[in-house]
Amino acid sequence: MAAGSITTLPALPDDGGSGTFPPGHFKDPKRLYCKNGGFFLRINPDGRVDGVREKSDPHIKLQLQAEERGVVSIKGVCANRFLAMKEDGRLLALVSNVKSFLYFTFLHV
C-alpha cells in the first residue's frame, strides 16, 4: 500500500456479530482509516467531518454505496448524514443526498 492511501476496516458490531448479514458482507458499515496519520474518518451529527484515533467512536461507522461506475456515496451511520466536499476541497456532512455535491469519483490510474 502506498503512503497516504486509504484502507477500509469493518466496523465493530453493536450486537457482538449476530447481525442479519454474514461477516464481511458489503452492506456492513465500514471505517475509513488514514494509515499516514492514524485517523478514522468521523462524520458528526452536527455536519462536521474530522478524524479520530479511537476505534470505538460510534461516528466512524460509514455506509458506502456504489451509485454508478466509479462513483460512491458515503453516509455516516450514526449521524445519518452524507459526506460531501466543497469546491475548495473541505469536507462536510449533509442531511440529504444531493447528487451534484455529494458523490466522490475514484479514478484508477
N, C-alpha and C. Protein backbone atom coordinates (compact mmCIF):
# COMPACT_ATOMS: atom_id res chain seq x y z
N MET A 1 0.84 -1.17 0.00
CA MET A 1 0.00 0.00 0.00
C MET A 1 0.88 1.24 0.00
N ALA A 2 0.55 2.22 -0.79
CA ALA A 2 1.34 3.44 -0.91
C ALA A 2 1.13 4.35 0.29
N ALA A 3 2.10 5.18 0.59
CA ALA A 3 1.98 6.13 1.69
C ALA A 3 0.83 7.08 1.42
N GLY A 4 0.02 7.31 2.45
CA GLY A 4 -1.11 8.22 2.31
C GLY A 4 -2.35 7.59 1.72
N SER A 5 -2.35 6.29 1.46
CA SER A 5 -3.53 5.66 0.89
C SER A 5 -4.56 5.40 1.97
N ILE A 6 -5.78 5.08 1.57
CA ILE A 6 -6.89 4.86 2.49
C ILE A 6 -7.25 3.39 2.49
N THR A 7 -7.50 2.85 3.68
CA THR A 7 -7.88 1.46 3.85
C THR A 7 -9.22 1.41 4.55
N THR A 8 -10.12 0.50 4.15
CA THR A 8 -11.38 0.32 4.86
C THR A 8 -11.25 -0.85 5.81
N LEU A 9 -11.80 -0.68 6.99
CA LEU A 9 -11.82 -1.73 8.00
C LEU A 9 -13.27 -1.94 8.41
N PRO A 10 -13.68 -3.18 8.72
CA PRO A 10 -15.06 -3.40 9.13
C PRO A 10 -15.35 -2.72 10.47
N ALA A 11 -16.55 -2.17 10.62
CA ALA A 11 -16.95 -1.55 11.88
C ALA A 11 -17.17 -2.62 12.93
N LEU A 12 -17.01 -2.25 14.19
CA LEU A 12 -17.25 -3.17 15.28
C LEU A 12 -18.75 -3.37 15.43
N PRO A 13 -19.25 -4.62 15.48
CA PRO A 13 -20.69 -4.85 15.59
C PRO A 13 -21.20 -4.46 16.98
N ASP A 14 -22.39 -3.84 17.04
CA ASP A 14 -23.01 -3.47 18.31
C ASP A 14 -23.54 -4.69 19.05
N ASP A 15 -23.93 -5.71 18.29
CA ASP A 15 -24.56 -6.88 18.90
C ASP A 15 -23.63 -8.08 19.01
N GLY A 16 -22.35 -7.87 18.89
CA GLY A 16 -21.41 -8.97 19.00
C GLY A 16 -21.30 -9.80 17.74
N GLY A 17 -21.79 -9.31 16.61
CA GLY A 17 -21.64 -10.02 15.35
C GLY A 17 -22.82 -10.88 14.96
N SER A 18 -23.97 -10.71 15.61
CA SER A 18 -25.13 -11.54 15.28
C SER A 18 -26.09 -10.82 14.34
N GLY A 19 -25.57 -9.96 13.45
CA GLY A 19 -26.40 -9.21 12.52
C GLY A 19 -27.00 -10.09 11.45
N THR A 20 -27.82 -9.50 10.58
CA THR A 20 -28.51 -10.25 9.54
C THR A 20 -27.59 -10.63 8.39
N PHE A 21 -26.49 -9.91 8.21
CA PHE A 21 -25.57 -10.20 7.12
C PHE A 21 -24.38 -10.99 7.64
N PRO A 22 -23.86 -11.91 6.84
CA PRO A 22 -22.67 -12.65 7.28
C PRO A 22 -21.48 -11.71 7.42
N PRO A 23 -20.46 -12.08 8.21
CA PRO A 23 -19.30 -11.21 8.41
C PRO A 23 -18.67 -10.82 7.08
N GLY A 24 -18.31 -9.55 6.95
CA GLY A 24 -17.66 -9.08 5.74
C GLY A 24 -18.61 -8.77 4.60
N HIS A 25 -19.91 -8.81 4.83
CA HIS A 25 -20.87 -8.51 3.78
C HIS A 25 -20.72 -7.06 3.34
N PHE A 26 -20.96 -6.79 2.06
CA PHE A 26 -20.74 -5.45 1.52
C PHE A 26 -21.65 -4.40 2.13
N LYS A 27 -22.76 -4.78 2.73
CA LYS A 27 -23.67 -3.81 3.34
C LYS A 27 -23.30 -3.48 4.78
N ASP A 28 -22.35 -4.19 5.35
CA ASP A 28 -21.91 -3.89 6.71
C ASP A 28 -21.25 -2.52 6.75
N PRO A 29 -21.43 -1.77 7.85
CA PRO A 29 -20.73 -0.49 7.98
C PRO A 29 -19.22 -0.68 7.93
N LYS A 30 -18.54 0.29 7.38
CA LYS A 30 -17.07 0.26 7.25
C LYS A 30 -16.48 1.43 8.02
N ARG A 31 -15.15 1.40 8.17
CA ARG A 31 -14.41 2.52 8.74
C ARG A 31 -13.34 2.90 7.73
N LEU A 32 -13.20 4.19 7.45
CA LEU A 32 -12.13 4.66 6.57
C LEU A 32 -10.98 5.13 7.44
N TYR A 33 -9.80 4.57 7.20
CA TYR A 33 -8.62 4.81 8.02
C TYR A 33 -7.50 5.40 7.17
N CYS A 34 -6.88 6.44 7.67
CA CYS A 34 -5.72 7.04 7.02
C CYS A 34 -4.47 6.47 7.69
N LYS A 35 -3.79 5.60 6.99
CA LYS A 35 -2.61 4.95 7.56
C LYS A 35 -1.49 5.96 7.80
N ASN A 36 -1.44 7.01 6.99
CA ASN A 36 -0.40 8.02 7.11
C ASN A 36 -0.51 8.80 8.43
N GLY A 37 -1.73 9.18 8.83
CA GLY A 37 -1.92 9.97 10.04
C GLY A 37 -2.46 9.19 11.22
N GLY A 38 -3.01 8.00 10.96
CA GLY A 38 -3.56 7.17 12.03
C GLY A 38 -4.94 7.59 12.50
N PHE A 39 -5.73 8.19 11.62
CA PHE A 39 -7.06 8.65 11.99
C PHE A 39 -8.14 7.90 11.22
N PHE A 40 -9.30 7.73 11.87
CA PHE A 40 -10.51 7.23 11.23
C PHE A 40 -11.36 8.44 10.84
N LEU A 41 -11.97 8.40 9.66
CA LEU A 41 -12.86 9.47 9.23
C LEU A 41 -14.11 9.43 10.09
N ARG A 42 -14.48 10.59 10.66
CA ARG A 42 -15.66 10.68 11.54
C ARG A 42 -16.63 11.70 10.97
N ILE A 43 -17.91 11.29 10.85
CA ILE A 43 -18.98 12.19 10.43
C ILE A 43 -19.83 12.48 11.66
N ASN A 44 -19.79 13.72 12.12
CA ASN A 44 -20.51 14.13 13.33
C ASN A 44 -21.94 14.51 13.02
N PRO A 45 -22.86 14.37 14.01
CA PRO A 45 -24.27 14.70 13.79
C PRO A 45 -24.52 16.17 13.43
N ASP A 46 -23.59 17.07 13.80
CA ASP A 46 -23.77 18.49 13.50
C ASP A 46 -23.24 18.88 12.12
N GLY A 47 -22.74 17.91 11.35
CA GLY A 47 -22.26 18.17 10.00
C GLY A 47 -20.76 18.32 9.88
N ARG A 48 -20.04 18.36 11.01
CA ARG A 48 -18.59 18.45 10.94
C ARG A 48 -18.00 17.10 10.53
N VAL A 49 -16.90 17.15 9.80
CA VAL A 49 -16.17 15.94 9.40
C VAL A 49 -14.74 16.12 9.89
N ASP A 50 -14.25 15.11 10.63
CA ASP A 50 -12.89 15.18 11.14
C ASP A 50 -12.32 13.78 11.27
N GLY A 51 -11.19 13.67 11.92
CA GLY A 51 -10.56 12.38 12.13
C GLY A 51 -10.39 12.11 13.61
N VAL A 52 -10.46 10.85 13.99
CA VAL A 52 -10.32 10.46 15.38
C VAL A 52 -9.53 9.15 15.43
N ARG A 53 -8.79 8.93 16.50
CA ARG A 53 -7.97 7.73 16.63
C ARG A 53 -8.68 6.58 17.35
N GLU A 54 -9.77 6.86 18.03
CA GLU A 54 -10.47 5.84 18.82
C GLU A 54 -11.33 4.94 17.92
N LYS A 55 -11.04 3.65 17.93
CA LYS A 55 -11.81 2.69 17.12
C LYS A 55 -13.25 2.54 17.61
N SER A 56 -13.50 2.89 18.87
CA SER A 56 -14.82 2.66 19.44
C SER A 56 -15.78 3.83 19.23
N ASP A 57 -15.34 4.91 18.61
CA ASP A 57 -16.21 6.06 18.38
C ASP A 57 -17.36 5.64 17.45
N PRO A 58 -18.62 5.84 17.87
CA PRO A 58 -19.75 5.39 17.05
C PRO A 58 -19.91 6.16 15.74
N HIS A 59 -19.31 7.32 15.63
CA HIS A 59 -19.48 8.15 14.43
C HIS A 59 -18.49 7.83 13.32
N ILE A 60 -17.69 6.77 13.48
CA ILE A 60 -16.78 6.36 12.40
C ILE A 60 -17.38 5.25 11.55
N LYS A 61 -18.57 4.78 11.90
CA LYS A 61 -19.24 3.75 11.10
C LYS A 61 -19.83 4.40 9.85
N LEU A 62 -19.42 3.91 8.70
CA LEU A 62 -19.82 4.50 7.43
C LEU A 62 -20.47 3.47 6.52
N GLN A 63 -21.48 3.89 5.80
CA GLN A 63 -22.13 3.04 4.80
C GLN A 63 -21.67 3.52 3.43
N LEU A 64 -20.99 2.66 2.69
CA LEU A 64 -20.52 3.00 1.34
C LEU A 64 -21.49 2.41 0.33
N GLN A 65 -21.89 3.23 -0.64
CA GLN A 65 -22.86 2.79 -1.64
C GLN A 65 -22.36 3.17 -3.02
N ALA A 66 -22.25 2.18 -3.90
CA ALA A 66 -21.89 2.46 -5.29
C ALA A 66 -23.11 3.04 -5.99
N GLU A 67 -22.97 4.22 -6.55
CA GLU A 67 -24.08 4.88 -7.24
C GLU A 67 -24.04 4.60 -8.73
N GLU A 68 -22.86 4.56 -9.29
CA GLU A 68 -22.62 4.19 -10.68
C GLU A 68 -21.15 3.84 -10.79
N ARG A 69 -20.71 3.47 -11.96
CA ARG A 69 -19.31 3.06 -12.13
C ARG A 69 -18.36 4.20 -11.73
N GLY A 70 -17.52 3.94 -10.71
CA GLY A 70 -16.55 4.91 -10.25
C GLY A 70 -17.09 5.99 -9.33
N VAL A 71 -18.38 5.92 -8.96
CA VAL A 71 -18.99 6.94 -8.11
C VAL A 71 -19.54 6.28 -6.85
N VAL A 72 -19.17 6.82 -5.69
CA VAL A 72 -19.55 6.23 -4.40
C VAL A 72 -20.13 7.31 -3.50
N SER A 73 -21.22 6.99 -2.78
CA SER A 73 -21.71 7.88 -1.74
C SER A 73 -21.31 7.28 -0.40
N ILE A 74 -21.02 8.14 0.56
CA ILE A 74 -20.57 7.71 1.89
C ILE A 74 -21.49 8.36 2.92
N LYS A 75 -22.13 7.51 3.75
CA LYS A 75 -23.08 8.00 4.75
C LYS A 75 -22.62 7.59 6.14
N GLY A 76 -22.63 8.54 7.07
CA GLY A 76 -22.35 8.22 8.47
C GLY A 76 -23.55 7.53 9.07
N VAL A 77 -23.37 6.31 9.57
CA VAL A 77 -24.49 5.51 10.08
C VAL A 77 -25.14 6.19 11.28
N CYS A 78 -24.37 6.57 12.28
CA CYS A 78 -24.93 7.18 13.49
C CYS A 78 -25.40 8.61 13.26
N ALA A 79 -24.66 9.37 12.47
CA ALA A 79 -25.01 10.77 12.22
C ALA A 79 -26.15 10.90 11.22
N ASN A 80 -26.37 9.86 10.40
CA ASN A 80 -27.39 9.86 9.36
C ASN A 80 -27.19 11.05 8.40
N ARG A 81 -25.92 11.29 8.04
CA ARG A 81 -25.55 12.36 7.12
C ARG A 81 -24.63 11.82 6.04
N PHE A 82 -24.65 12.47 4.89
CA PHE A 82 -23.83 12.07 3.75
C PHE A 82 -22.59 12.95 3.64
N LEU A 83 -21.47 12.32 3.33
CA LEU A 83 -20.21 13.04 3.16
C LEU A 83 -20.25 13.83 1.86
N ALA A 84 -19.82 15.09 1.92
CA ALA A 84 -19.79 15.96 0.74
C ALA A 84 -18.50 16.76 0.77
N MET A 85 -18.13 17.29 -0.39
CA MET A 85 -16.92 18.10 -0.50
C MET A 85 -17.25 19.43 -1.16
N LYS A 86 -16.80 20.51 -0.54
CA LYS A 86 -16.98 21.84 -1.13
C LYS A 86 -16.00 22.01 -2.28
N GLU A 87 -16.21 23.04 -3.08
CA GLU A 87 -15.34 23.30 -4.22
C GLU A 87 -13.89 23.53 -3.81
N ASP A 88 -13.67 24.05 -2.60
CA ASP A 88 -12.31 24.31 -2.13
C ASP A 88 -11.66 23.07 -1.50
N GLY A 89 -12.37 21.93 -1.51
CA GLY A 89 -11.80 20.68 -1.01
C GLY A 89 -12.13 20.35 0.43
N ARG A 90 -12.79 21.25 1.15
CA ARG A 90 -13.16 20.97 2.53
C ARG A 90 -14.35 20.02 2.59
N LEU A 91 -14.33 19.12 3.59
CA LEU A 91 -15.40 18.14 3.76
C LEU A 91 -16.45 18.65 4.73
N LEU A 92 -17.69 18.22 4.50
CA LEU A 92 -18.79 18.46 5.41
C LEU A 92 -19.78 17.33 5.25
N ALA A 93 -20.78 17.28 6.12
CA ALA A 93 -21.78 16.22 6.04
C ALA A 93 -23.16 16.86 5.89
N LEU A 94 -23.93 16.35 4.93
CA LEU A 94 -25.26 16.89 4.63
C LEU A 94 -26.33 15.89 5.01
N VAL A 95 -27.51 16.42 5.37
CA VAL A 95 -28.64 15.55 5.72
C VAL A 95 -29.19 14.86 4.49
N SER A 96 -29.22 15.56 3.36
CA SER A 96 -29.79 14.97 2.15
C SER A 96 -28.69 14.51 1.20
N ASN A 97 -29.07 13.63 0.32
CA ASN A 97 -28.17 13.05 -0.66
C ASN A 97 -28.27 13.87 -1.95
N VAL A 98 -27.49 14.92 -2.07
CA VAL A 98 -27.53 15.82 -3.22
C VAL A 98 -26.48 15.36 -4.23
N LYS A 99 -26.92 14.84 -5.36
CA LYS A 99 -26.00 14.24 -6.33
C LYS A 99 -24.91 15.18 -6.80
N SER A 100 -25.24 16.40 -7.12
CA SER A 100 -24.24 17.29 -7.70
C SER A 100 -23.17 17.73 -6.70
N PHE A 101 -23.39 17.49 -5.43
CA PHE A 101 -22.49 17.99 -4.40
C PHE A 101 -21.82 16.86 -3.64
N LEU A 102 -22.34 15.67 -3.75
CA LEU A 102 -22.08 14.65 -2.77
C LEU A 102 -21.16 13.52 -3.17
N TYR A 103 -21.21 13.10 -4.39
CA TYR A 103 -20.52 11.87 -4.75
C TYR A 103 -19.04 12.07 -5.00
N PHE A 104 -18.29 11.07 -4.65
CA PHE A 104 -16.86 11.06 -4.88
C PHE A 104 -16.57 10.13 -6.05
N THR A 105 -15.77 10.58 -6.96
CA THR A 105 -15.38 9.77 -8.10
C THR A 105 -13.97 9.28 -7.86
N PHE A 106 -13.79 7.98 -7.93
CA PHE A 106 -12.48 7.39 -7.73
C PHE A 106 -11.89 7.07 -9.09
N LEU A 107 -10.75 7.63 -9.37
CA LEU A 107 -10.07 7.39 -10.63
C LEU A 107 -9.01 6.31 -10.42
N HIS A 108 -8.99 5.35 -11.30
CA HIS A 108 -7.99 4.28 -11.23
C HIS A 108 -6.94 4.56 -12.29
N VAL A 109 -5.71 4.69 -11.85
CA VAL A 109 -4.60 5.00 -12.77
C VAL A 109 -3.83 3.74 -13.06
